[in-house]
Amino acid sequence: MIGDKLAALRRRAGMSQQEVASAIGTSRQTISNWELGQGSPALDKAAELARLYGVTLDDLVSDEVDVVSSGGQRRTCDIHVPRAFIGRTVTVAYAGDGSALLDAEVLDVSDGWLRVACTVKRPRLGSLKVDEERVVRLIDLRDIDGIATTGV
């Protein structure tokens, strides 16, 4: 899971694997291996990656945190508007493809990210059953098409 997250964050930053490797003092092959799930960064390198991508170390390594970013260069977003929704339950439309996240609680807004808590359905391993799980999602502010409150 961290591999997918690292690749999404790198694409969002508009960087190549070589650029990331140079920025944190490792090889391009090491970055590739991490993104392919063939190993994970040591704590010092993970901290450098978190700083580079503008996320917390917890967000980077936690399996309960999903990154939602198209990785494309989109418009800039005034973070004052989303900050008005902190603590509220909202619907977030994002990525220009009609995707929407329903009943998400806005936890925080930082430079570049809308942090929300939401319930997702994930298939149970080895079963036809689906489990509901509470997760945190970091949504790229550049991907947000709209936010609307769903409660009072």
Protein backbone atom coordinates (compact mmCIF):
# COMPACT_ATOMS: atom_id res chain seq x y z
CA MET A 1 0.00 0.00 0.00
CA ILE A 2 2.84 2.42 0.74
CA GLY A 3 4.18 1.81 -2.76
CA ASP A 4 0.98 3.04 -4.39
CA LYS A 5 0.93 6.02 -2.06
CA LEU A 6 4.55 6.91 -2.85
CA ALA A 7 3.87 6.73 -6.60
CA ALA A 8 0.73 8.88 -6.30
CA LEU A 9 2.53 11.49 -4.22
CA ARG A 10 5.46 11.60 -6.63
CA ARG A 11 3.15 12.06 -9.62
CA ARG A 12 1.27 14.78 -7.75
CA ALA A 13 4.57 16.57 -7.12
CA GLY A 14 5.33 16.31 -10.85
CA MET A 15 8.66 14.63 -10.16
CA SER A 16 10.45 11.75 -11.81
CA GLN A 17 11.85 8.89 -9.77
CA GLN A 18 15.33 10.28 -10.45
CA GLU A 19 14.36 13.72 -9.13
CA VAL A 20 12.98 12.20 -5.94
CA ALA A 21 16.07 10.04 -5.54
CA SER A 22 18.33 13.08 -5.92
CA ALA A 23 16.24 15.10 -3.48
CA ILE A 24 16.54 12.51 -0.70
CA GLY A 25 19.97 11.08 -1.50
CA THR A 26 19.19 7.62 -2.81
CA SER A 27 19.06 5.86 -6.18
CA ARG A 28 16.29 5.87 -8.77
CA GLN A 29 16.16 2.07 -8.50
CA THR A 30 15.48 2.34 -4.77
CA ILE A 31 12.56 4.70 -5.44
CA SER A 32 11.26 2.29 -8.09
CA ASN A 33 11.52 -0.65 -5.68
CA TRP A 34 9.59 1.22 -2.97
CA GLU A 35 6.86 2.17 -5.43
CA LEU A 36 6.60 -1.44 -6.62
CA GLY A 37 6.22 -2.67 -3.04
CA GLN A 38 9.64 -4.31 -3.03
CA GLY A 39 10.72 -2.90 0.29
CA SER A 40 9.94 0.26 2.22
CA PRO A 41 11.95 3.35 3.06
CA ALA A 42 13.82 3.51 6.35
CA LEU A 43 12.45 6.00 8.87
CA ASP A 44 14.90 8.77 7.94
CA LYS A 45 14.09 8.44 4.22
CA ALA A 46 10.35 8.21 4.94
CA ALA A 47 10.58 11.46 6.92
CA GLU A 48 12.40 13.13 4.00
CA LEU A 49 9.73 11.88 1.57
CA ALA A 50 6.94 13.18 3.80
CA ARG A 51 8.56 16.63 3.90
CA LEU A 52 9.16 16.57 0.14
CA TYR A 53 5.51 15.73 -0.57
CA GLY A 54 3.98 18.01 2.08
CA VAL A 55 2.33 15.27 4.13
CA THR A 56 2.91 14.01 7.65
CA LEU A 57 5.00 10.93 8.32
CA ASP A 58 1.89 9.32 9.83
CA ASP A 59 -0.06 9.97 6.63
CA LEU A 60 2.74 8.52 4.54
CA VAL A 61 3.10 5.22 6.39
CA SER A 62 -0.41 4.58 7.71
CA ASP A 63 -2.53 2.02 5.90
CA GLU A 64 -5.60 3.88 7.17
CA VAL A 65 -4.73 6.96 5.09
CA ASP A 66 -5.52 6.99 1.37
CA VAL A 67 -4.14 9.55 -1.07
CA VAL A 68 -6.54 10.85 -3.70
CA SER A 69 -4.75 12.78 -6.43
CA SER A 70 -5.00 12.76 -10.20
CA GLY A 71 -1.38 13.80 -10.39
CA GLY A 72 -2.26 16.29 -13.08
CA GLN A 73 -1.52 19.97 -13.15
CA ARG A 74 -4.83 21.58 -12.32
CA ARG A 75 -5.96 24.91 -11.02
CA THR A 76 -4.81 26.37 -7.72
CA CYS A 77 -7.22 26.42 -4.82
CA ASP A 78 -7.77 29.07 -2.17
CA ILE A 79 -7.54 27.09 1.07
CA HIS A 80 -9.69 29.61 2.96
CA VAL A 81 -12.88 28.25 1.41
CA PRO A 82 -12.35 24.59 2.35
CA ARG A 83 -11.22 25.64 5.85
CA ALA A 84 -14.77 26.88 6.47
CA PHE A 85 -15.88 23.23 6.32
CA ILE A 86 -13.58 21.90 9.07
CA GLY A 87 -15.62 19.80 11.48
CA ARG A 88 -18.57 19.52 9.08
CA THR A 89 -19.91 16.58 7.12
CA VAL A 90 -19.63 17.22 3.39
CA THR A 91 -19.86 15.77 -0.08
CA VAL A 92 -16.68 16.36 -2.08
CA ALA A 93 -16.71 16.27 -5.89
CA TYR A 94 -13.24 15.79 -7.30
CA ALA A 95 -10.96 14.95 -10.23
CA GLY A 96 -13.24 16.30 -12.95
CA ASP A 97 -14.68 12.85 -13.70
CA GLY A 98 -17.85 13.01 -11.63
CA SER A 99 -16.30 11.21 -8.66
CA ALA A 100 -17.74 12.18 -5.31
CA LEU A 101 -17.04 11.29 -1.73
CA LEU A 102 -20.22 11.28 0.35
CA ASP A 103 -20.57 11.91 4.08
CA ALA A 104 -16.95 12.84 4.69
CA GLU A 105 -15.97 14.73 7.82
CA VAL A 106 -13.47 17.49 7.08
CA LEU A 107 -10.63 17.13 9.58
CA ASP A 108 -8.15 19.69 8.30
CA VAL A 109 -7.00 21.70 5.31
CA SER A 110 -3.31 22.26 4.69
CA ASP A 111 -1.27 23.56 1.81
CA GLY A 112 -2.33 21.27 -0.99
CA TRP A 113 -4.52 18.78 0.90
CA LEU A 114 -8.06 18.37 2.19
CA ARG A 115 -7.97 15.81 5.02
CA VAL A 116 -11.26 13.97 5.54
CA ALA A 117 -12.51 10.95 7.47
CA CYS A 118 -14.97 8.68 5.73
CA THR A 119 -16.32 5.15 5.71
CA VAL A 120 -15.24 2.91 2.84
CA LYS A 121 -16.25 -0.59 1.87
CA ARG A 122 -13.41 -3.04 1.32
CA PRO A 123 -13.68 -6.70 0.39
CA ARG A 124 -12.75 -9.11 3.15
CA LEU A 125 -9.76 -11.21 2.15
CA GLY A 126 -10.83 -14.71 1.13
CA SER A 127 -14.53 -13.95 1.47
CA LEU A 128 -17.43 -12.53 -0.49
CA LYS A 129 -18.26 -10.28 2.45
CA VAL A 130 -17.47 -6.59 2.49
CA ASP A 131 -16.26 -4.76 5.59
CA GLU A 132 -16.91 -1.10 6.31
CA GLU A 133 -13.87 0.71 7.59
CA ARG A 134 -13.26 4.27 8.74
CA VAL A 135 -10.29 5.79 6.91
CA VAL A 136 -8.65 9.14 6.40
CA ARG A 137 -8.26 10.43 2.88
CA LEU A 138 -5.93 13.16 1.73
CA ILE A 139 -7.55 14.77 -1.30
CA ASP A 140 -5.44 16.96 -3.55
CA LEU A 141 -6.99 20.45 -3.36
CA ARG A 142 -6.25 20.94 -7.06
CA ASP A 143 -8.60 18.07 -7.88
CA ILE A 144 -11.61 19.38 -5.96
CA ASP A 145 -14.49 20.52 -8.15
CA GLY A 146 -16.86 21.34 -5.29
CA ILE A 147 -17.72 20.89 -1.63
CA ALA A 148 -21.22 20.94 -0.17
CA THR A 149 -22.43 20.36 3.37
CA THR A 150 -24.63 17.35 3.90
CA GLY A 151 -25.69 18.14 7.47
CA VAL A 152 -26.51 21.15 9.57
